[in-house]
C-alpha atoms as a PDB file:
ATOM      1  CA  MET A   1      43.255 -39.841 -21.741  1.00  0.00           C
ATOM      2  CA  ASN A   2      41.320 -37.150 -23.076  1.00  0.00           C
ATOM      3  CA  SER A   3      37.843 -36.972 -21.544  1.00  0.00           C
ATOM      4  CA  ASP A   4      34.592 -36.158 -23.531  1.00  0.00           C
ATOM      5  CA  TYR A   5      32.186 -34.331 -22.030  1.00  0.00           C
ATOM      6  CA  SER A   6      29.605 -34.252 -25.209  1.00  0.00           C
ATOM      7  CA  THR A   7      27.812 -37.072 -23.266  1.00  0.00           C
ATOM      8  CA  PRO A   8      24.049 -35.830 -22.854  1.00  0.00           C
ATOM      9  CA  GLN A   9      23.006 -35.962 -18.756  1.00  0.00           C
ATOM     10  CA  PRO A  10      19.590 -36.989 -17.737  1.00  0.00           C
ATOM     11  CA  THR A  11      17.348 -34.291 -16.893  1.00  0.00           C
ATOM     12  CA  VAL A  12      17.161 -33.359 -13.043  1.00  0.00           C
ATOM     13  CA  GLY A  13      13.051 -34.021 -11.835  1.00  0.00           C
ATOM     14  CA  ALA A  14      11.600 -32.104  -9.617  1.00  0.00           C
ATOM     15  CA  PRO A  15      12.653 -32.148  -6.574  1.00  0.00           C
ATOM     16  CA  TYR A  16      10.845 -34.818  -3.496  1.00  0.00           C
ATOM     17  CA  ILE A  17      11.550 -32.506  -0.428  1.00  0.00           C
ATOM     18  CA  ASP A  18      13.158 -28.946  -0.513  1.00  0.00           C
ATOM     19  CA  GLY A  19      12.431 -27.375   3.180  1.00  0.00           C
ATOM     20  CA  VAL A  20      14.042 -26.465   6.190  1.00  0.00           C
ATOM     21  CA  ARG A  21      12.790 -28.637   9.863  1.00  0.00           C
ATOM     22  CA  VAL A  22      13.302 -26.477  13.193  1.00  0.00           C
ATOM     23  CA  GLN A  23      12.937 -28.340  16.751  1.00  0.00           C
ATOM     24  CA  GLU A  24      12.292 -26.689  20.230  1.00  0.00           C
ATOM     25  CA  LEU A  25      12.487 -27.830  23.409  1.00  0.00           C
ATOM     26  CA  ILE A  26      11.813 -26.400  26.826  1.00  0.00           C
ATOM     27  CA  GLY A  27      12.560 -28.571  29.737  1.00  0.00           C
ATOM     28  CA  ILE A  28      12.369 -29.481  33.181  1.00  0.00           C
ATOM     29  CA  TYR A  29      13.917 -32.209  35.051  1.00  0.00           C
ATOM     30  CA  ALA A  30      14.933 -32.711  38.508  1.00  0.00           C
ATOM     31  CA  GLN A  31      16.246 -35.971  39.995  1.00  0.00           C
ATOM     32  CA  ASP A  32      17.106 -37.272  43.867  1.00  0.00           C
ATOM     33  CA  GLN A  33      19.864 -40.013  44.510  1.00  0.00           C
ATOM     34  CA  ILE A  34      19.968 -41.413  48.212  1.00  0.00           C
ATOM     35  CA  ARG A  35      21.735 -44.212  49.940  1.00  0.00           C
ATOM     36  CA  PHE A  36      20.485 -46.026  53.089  1.00  0.00           C
ATOM     37  CA  GLY A  37      21.727 -49.099  54.433  1.00  0.00           C
ATOM     38  CA  ASP A  38      23.931 -51.537  54.199  1.00  0.00           C
ATOM     39  CA  GLY A  39      25.429 -50.358  49.971  1.00  0.00           C
ATOM     40  CA  TRP A  40      22.089 -49.524  49.705  1.00  0.00           C
ATOM     41  CA  ILE A  41      21.126 -46.629  46.302  1.00  0.00           C
ATOM     42  CA  ALA A  42      18.529 -45.306  45.178  1.00  0.00           C
ATOM     43  CA  THR A  43      17.821 -42.672  42.435  1.00  0.00           C
ATOM     44  CA  LEU A  44      15.004 -41.103  40.622  1.00  0.00           C
ATOM     45  CA  LYS A  45      14.501 -38.844  37.979  1.00  0.00           C
ATOM     46  CA  GLY A  46      11.893 -37.340  36.606  1.00  0.00           C
ATOM     47  CA  ARG A  47      11.338 -34.738  33.529  1.00  0.00           C
ATOM     48  CA  TYR A  48       9.333 -32.747  31.526  1.00  0.00           C
ATOM     49  CA  ASP A  49       9.436 -31.902  27.800  1.00  0.00           C
ATOM     50  CA  LYS A  50       7.847 -29.372  25.848  1.00  0.00           C
ATOM     51  CA  VAL A  51       8.737 -29.559  21.251  1.00  0.00           C
ATOM     52  CA  SER A  52       7.292 -27.670  19.235  1.00  0.00           C
ATOM     53  CA  SER A  53       8.633 -28.238  15.516  1.00  0.00           C
ATOM     54  CA  SER A  54       8.164 -26.470  12.301  1.00  0.00           C
ATOM     55  CA  PHE A  55       8.566 -27.360   8.629  1.00  0.00           C
ATOM     56  CA  ASP A  56       9.336 -24.295   6.141  1.00  0.00           C
ATOM     57  CA  ASN A  57       7.830 -26.061   3.257  1.00  0.00           C
ATOM     58  CA  ARG A  58       9.048 -24.684  -0.391  1.00  0.00           C
ATOM     59  CA  ILE A  59       7.289 -26.767  -2.096  1.00  0.00           C
ATOM     60  CA  GLY A  60       4.254 -27.433  -0.251  1.00  0.00           C
ATOM     61  CA  ALA A  61       2.400 -26.885   2.857  1.00  0.00           C
ATOM     62  CA  ASN A  62       4.277 -25.034   5.990  1.00  0.00           C
ATOM     63  CA  LEU A  63       3.639 -27.709   8.497  1.00  0.00           C
ATOM     64  CA  ASP A  64       3.158 -27.162  12.673  1.00  0.00           C
ATOM     65  CA  ARG A  65       2.931 -28.669  15.873  1.00  0.00           C
ATOM     66  CA  GLU A  66       3.002 -29.153  19.522  1.00  0.00           C
ATOM     67  CA  ASP A  67       3.899 -32.593  21.901  1.00  0.00           C
ATOM     68  CA  ASP A  68       4.531 -32.362  25.659  1.00  0.00           C
ATOM     69  CA  ALA A  69       5.237 -35.151  27.735  1.00  0.00           C
ATOM     70  CA  PHE A  70       6.343 -36.502  31.110  1.00  0.00           C
ATOM     71  CA  SER A  71       8.789 -39.210  31.219  1.00  0.00           C
ATOM     72  CA  TRP A  72      10.726 -40.244  34.635  1.00  0.00           C
ATOM     73  CA  ARG A  73      13.172 -43.112  35.623  1.00  0.00           C
ATOM     74  CA  LEU A  74      14.464 -45.699  38.327  1.00  0.00           C
ATOM     75  CA  VAL A  75      17.035 -47.140  39.505  1.00  0.00           C
ATOM     76  CA  LEU A  76      18.138 -49.153  42.622  1.00  0.00           C
ATOM     77  CA  MET A  77      21.134 -50.096  43.336  1.00  0.00           C
ATOM     78  CA  ARG A  78      23.233 -52.658  46.324  1.00  0.00           C
ATOM     79  CA  GLN A  79      26.686 -52.379  46.840  1.00  0.00           C
ATOM     80  CA  ILE A  80      28.037 -55.994  48.015  1.00  0.00           C
ATOM     81  CA  GLY A  81      32.044 -55.434  47.625  1.00  0.00           C
ATOM     82  CA  ASP A  82      33.383 -54.858  43.929  1.00  0.00           C
ATOM     83  CA  PHE A  83      29.640 -55.817  42.809  1.00  0.00           C
ATOM     84  CA  ALA A  84      26.875 -53.355  42.497  1.00  0.00           C
ATOM     85  CA  PRO A  85      23.551 -55.641  41.276  1.00  0.00           C
ATOM     86  CA  TYR A  86      20.970 -52.813  39.968  1.00  0.00           C
ATOM     87  CA  VAL A  87      17.953 -53.043  38.497  1.00  0.00           C
ATOM     88  CA  THR A  88      15.892 -49.724  36.437  1.00  0.00           C
ATOM     89  CA  ALA A  89      13.103 -49.092  34.877  1.00  0.00           C
ATOM     90  CA  GLY A  90      11.861 -45.866  32.932  1.00  0.00           C
ATOM     91  CA  THR A  91      10.140 -43.654  30.834  1.00  0.00           C
ATOM     92  CA  TYR A  92      11.165 -42.193  27.569  1.00  0.00           C
ATOM     93  CA  PHE A  93      10.101 -40.140  25.090  1.00  0.00           C
ATOM     94  CA  ASP A  94      11.129 -38.814  21.824  1.00  0.00           C
ATOM     95  CA  PRO A  95       9.093 -36.448  18.858  1.00  0.00           C
ATOM     96  CA  LYS A  96       9.482 -37.203  15.111  1.00  0.00           C
ATOM     97  CA  ALA A  97      10.897 -35.028  12.182  1.00  0.00           C
ATOM     98  CA  LEU A  98       8.621 -33.221  10.742  1.00  0.00           C
ATOM     99  CA  ASP A  99       6.835 -34.189   7.630  1.00  0.00           C
ATOM    100  CA  ALA A 100       3.700 -34.713   5.957  1.00  0.00           C
ATOM    101  CA  SER A 101       3.832 -38.422   7.521  1.00  0.00           C
ATOM    102  CA  THR A 102       4.759 -37.912  10.532  1.00  0.00           C
ATOM    103  CA  LEU A 103       1.898 -34.319  11.251  1.00  0.00           C
ATOM    104  CA  THR A 104      -0.860 -36.314  13.004  1.00  0.00           C
ATOM    105  CA  SER A 105       1.185 -39.346  14.137  1.00  0.00           C
ATOM    106  CA  GLN A 106       1.770 -39.389  17.891  1.00  0.00           C
ATOM    107  CA  ALA A 107       5.103 -38.974  19.467  1.00  0.00           C
ATOM    108  CA  GLU A 108       7.059 -41.606  20.041  1.00  0.00           C
ATOM    109  CA  ALA A 109       7.345 -43.114  23.753  1.00  0.00           C
ATOM    110  CA  GLY A 110       8.267 -46.360  25.246  1.00  0.00           C
ATOM    111  CA  GLN A 111       9.691 -47.478  28.384  1.00  0.00           C
ATOM    112  CA  GLN A 112      12.473 -50.049  29.365  1.00  0.00           C
ATOM    113  CA  ILE A 113      13.571 -52.388  31.923  1.00  0.00           C
ATOM    114  CA  GLU A 114      16.783 -53.586  32.714  1.00  0.00           C
ATOM    115  CA  MET A 115      18.748 -56.080  35.236  1.00  0.00           C
ATOM    116  CA  GLY A 116      22.212 -55.884  35.712  1.00  0.00           C
ATOM    117  CA  LEU A 117      25.530 -56.279  37.842  1.00  0.00           C
ATOM    118  CA  LYS A 118      28.624 -54.091  37.834  1.00  0.00           C
ATOM    119  CA  TRP A 119      31.979 -55.179  38.954  1.00  0.00           C
ATOM    120  CA  GLN A 120      35.290 -53.207  39.581  1.00  0.00           C
ATOM    121  CA  PRO A 121      37.940 -54.399  40.699  1.00  0.00           C
ATOM    122  CA  ASN A 122      40.149 -51.837  40.785  1.00  0.00           C
ATOM    123  CA  ASP A 123      39.847 -48.770  39.884  1.00  0.00           C
ATOM    124  CA  ALA A 124      41.534 -49.123  35.740  1.00  0.00           C
ATOM    125  CA  THR A 125      38.466 -51.700  35.428  1.00  0.00           C
ATOM    126  CA  LEU A 126      34.702 -52.071  34.619  1.00  0.00           C
ATOM    127  CA  ILE A 127      32.429 -54.824  33.796  1.00  0.00           C
ATOM    128  CA  ASP A 128      28.831 -54.451  33.235  1.00  0.00           C
ATOM    129  CA  PHE A 129      26.826 -56.436  32.310  1.00  0.00           C
ATOM    130  CA  SER A 130      22.957 -56.008  31.912  1.00  0.00           C
ATOM    131  CA  ALA A 131      19.704 -57.475  30.511  1.00  0.00           C
ATOM    132  CA  PHE A 132      16.568 -55.919  28.353  1.00  0.00           C
ATOM    133  CA  ASP A 133      12.972 -55.206  28.061  1.00  0.00           C
ATOM    134  CA  ILE A 134      11.921 -52.250  26.094  1.00  0.00           C
ATOM    135  CA  ARG A 135       8.950 -51.158  23.983  1.00  0.00           C
ATOM    136  CA  ARG A 136       8.917 -48.701  21.565  1.00  0.00           C
ATOM    137  CA  GLN A 137       5.198 -46.913  20.675  1.00  0.00           C
ATOM    138  CA  ASP A 138       4.493 -45.072  17.801  1.00  0.00           C
ATOM    139  CA  VAL A 139       8.411 -45.847  15.930  1.00  0.00           C
ATOM    140  CA  ALA A 140       8.632 -44.074  12.202  1.00  0.00           C
ATOM    141  CA  GLN A 141       9.970 -46.057   9.780  1.00  0.00           C
ATOM    142  CA  SER A 142      11.139 -45.864   6.755  1.00  0.00           C
ATOM    143  CA  PHE A 143      10.731 -49.206   4.318  1.00  0.00           C
ATOM    144  CA  VAL A 144      12.154 -49.439   0.360  1.00  0.00           C
ATOM    145  CA  ASN A 145       9.375 -50.295  -1.477  1.00  0.00           C
ATOM    146  CA  GLY A 146       9.527 -50.743  -5.004  1.00  0.00           C
ATOM    147  CA  GLY A 147      12.900 -48.768  -5.301  1.00  0.00           C
ATOM    148  CA  THR A 148      11.015 -46.032  -3.903  1.00  0.00           C
ATOM    149  CA  SER A 149      10.558 -44.895  -0.010  1.00  0.00           C
ATOM    150  CA  ASP A 150       7.498 -45.633   2.148  1.00  0.00           C
ATOM    151  CA  SER A 151       7.935 -43.805   5.158  1.00  0.00           C
ATOM    152  CA  ARG A 152       5.172 -45.967   7.970  1.00  0.00           C
ATOM    153  CA  THR A 153       4.742 -45.216  11.626  1.00  0.00           C
ATOM    154  CA  LEU A 154       4.997 -48.584  13.150  1.00  0.00           C
ATOM    155  CA  GLY A 155       2.153 -49.478  16.349  1.00  0.00           C
ATOM    156  CA  GLU A 156       4.447 -50.884  18.950  1.00  0.00           C
ATOM    157  CA  VAL A 157       8.886 -52.485  18.760  1.00  0.00           C
ATOM    158  CA  ARG A 158      10.276 -54.757  21.355  1.00  0.00           C
ATOM    159  CA  SER A 159      14.144 -54.653  21.541  1.00  0.00           C
ATOM    160  CA  ARG A 160      15.027 -57.821  24.225  1.00  0.00           C
ATOM    161  CA  GLY A 161      19.012 -58.471  24.460  1.00  0.00           C
ATOM    162  CA  PHE A 162      22.149 -58.452  26.451  1.00  0.00           C
ATOM    163  CA  GLU A 163      25.296 -56.613  26.634  1.00  0.00           C
ATOM    164  CA  LEU A 164      28.839 -56.861  28.185  1.00  0.00           C
ATOM    165  CA  GLU A 165      31.333 -53.623  28.023  1.00  0.00           C
ATOM    166  CA  ALA A 166      34.775 -53.678  29.407  1.00  0.00           C
ATOM    167  CA  ASP A 167      37.096 -50.617  30.308  1.00  0.00           C
ATOM    168  CA  MET A 168      40.104 -51.067  31.372  1.00  0.00           C
ATOM    169  CA  ARG A 169      42.968 -48.474  31.916  1.00  0.00           C
ATOM    170  CA  LEU A 170      46.549 -50.003  30.679  1.00  0.00           C
ATOM    171  CA  THR A 171      47.862 -46.841  32.038  1.00  0.00           C
ATOM    172  CA  THR A 172      47.435 -43.499  32.935  1.00  0.00           C
ATOM    173  CA  SER A 173      47.367 -42.499  28.318  1.00  0.00           C
ATOM    174  CA  PHE A 174      46.233 -45.627  27.065  1.00  0.00           C
ATOM    175  CA  ALA A 175      43.002 -47.569  27.464  1.00  0.00           C
ATOM    176  CA  ARG A 176      40.964 -50.356  26.295  1.00  0.00           C
ATOM    177  CA  ARG A 177      37.303 -50.304  25.697  1.00  0.00           C
ATOM    178  CA  ALA A 178      35.168 -53.427  24.935  1.00  0.00           C
ATOM    179  CA  ALA A 179      31.381 -54.142  24.500  1.00  0.00           C
ATOM    180  CA  PHE A 180      29.184 -57.137  23.060  1.00  0.00           C
ATOM    181  CA  THR A 181      25.205 -56.761  22.419  1.00  0.00           C
ATOM    182  CA  ASP A 182      23.015 -59.157  21.282  1.00  0.00           C
ATOM    183  CA  LEU A 183      19.268 -58.467  20.539  1.00  0.00           C
ATOM    184  CA  ASP A 184      15.982 -59.823  19.501  1.00  0.00           C
ATOM    185  CA  VAL A 185      13.822 -56.721  17.836  1.00  0.00           C
ATOM    186  CA  GLU A 186      10.490 -57.801  16.465  1.00  0.00           C
ATOM    187  CA  ILE A 187       7.080 -55.501  15.686  1.00  0.00           C
ATOM    188  CA  THR A 188       4.891 -56.689  18.348  1.00  0.00           C
ATOM    189  CA  GLU A 189       1.455 -54.031  16.723  1.00  0.00           C
ATOM    190  CA  PHE A 190       0.901 -53.324  13.520  1.00  0.00           C
ATOM    191  CA  ALA A 191      -2.920 -52.075  12.280  1.00  0.00           C
ATOM    192  CA  SER A 192      -2.611 -51.064   9.498  1.00  0.00           C
ATOM    193  CA  ASP A 193      -0.979 -53.973   7.973  1.00  0.00           C
ATOM    194  CA  PRO A 194      -0.590 -56.902  10.506  1.00  0.00           C
ATOM    195  CA  GLY A 195       1.391 -58.203   8.250  1.00  0.00           C
ATOM    196  CA  PHE A 196       4.679 -57.153   9.720  1.00  0.00           C
ATOM    197  CA  VAL A 197       3.396 -58.606  13.187  1.00  0.00           C
ATOM    198  CA  GLY A 198       6.090 -60.771  14.407  1.00  0.00           C
ATOM    199  CA  LYS A 199       8.715 -59.244  11.900  1.00  0.00           C
ATOM    200  CA  THR A 200      12.456 -57.321  12.694  1.00  0.00           C
ATOM    201  CA  PRO A 201      12.296 -53.247  11.267  1.00  0.00           C
ATOM    202  CA  GLN A 202      14.397 -53.195   8.625  1.00  0.00           C
ATOM    203  CA  SER A 203      18.151 -51.444   8.974  1.00  0.00           C
ATOM    204  CA  VAL A 204      18.132 -52.837  12.395  1.00  0.00           C
ATOM    205  CA  VAL A 205      21.643 -54.755  13.441  1.00  0.00           C
ATOM    206  CA  GLU A 206      21.078 -57.063  16.046  1.00  0.00           C
ATOM    207  CA  ARG A 207      24.439 -58.686  17.385  1.00  0.00           C
ATOM    208  CA  PHE A 208      27.366 -56.292  17.163  1.00  0.00           C
ATOM    209  CA  ALA A 209      30.710 -55.760  18.968  1.00  0.00           C
ATOM    210  CA  CYS A 210      32.845 -53.573  18.525  1.00  0.00           C
ATOM    211  CA  TRP A 211      37.159 -52.788  20.361  1.00  0.00           C
ATOM    212  CA  ASN A 212      38.310 -49.291  20.817  1.00  0.00           C
ATOM    213  CA  SER A 213      40.992 -47.313  22.479  1.00  0.00           C
ATOM    214  CA  PRO A 214      40.755 -44.720  23.632  1.00  0.00           C
ATOM    215  CA  ILE A 215      42.687 -42.362  24.609  1.00  0.00           C
ATOM    216  CA  TYR A 216      42.411 -40.659  27.110  1.00  0.00           C
END
């Protein structure tokens, strides 16, 4: 077959983005774990982050911003034979990639509450069940709107669900790992467009499972 290279090619339009994004982070982290009573374990973590973000824009104005936040996590667990029930609560901080739509919006932050049960019947098996509630504020979301990408910042997204994970070492060099997650993800606040409240954000998978065989 002889190829025909004479077909006119479409005109390449102007780039919609052309630049270099840089994020620099400095963090201070502290953690303490104590064991007390009859099998109780308490863990407290604290972290302070300072983030500098810049966008060297080749087709528009350069952008710069700084964010900082303190986040923490508290875990309380009790060992009862092969079982270890636990409860944890904490916060997080995640600055967005910098562009014109996120220059003035707040960095994403959130809170998580989780409770679960770990079961280790032997040295080769660990099964973990957990249920959680995560609240994310100022979530960056790109919507497909009429064939174009429409970037917006959601007010709050709530994720509730449970996860089951099992790790089993069958031999000294072969293991199995399985996990299943069931989520209910919902936009709970969106001041600029209340019509989105109660809906699921785009590109969110609410139920998934995996099964693999890691080699040690």
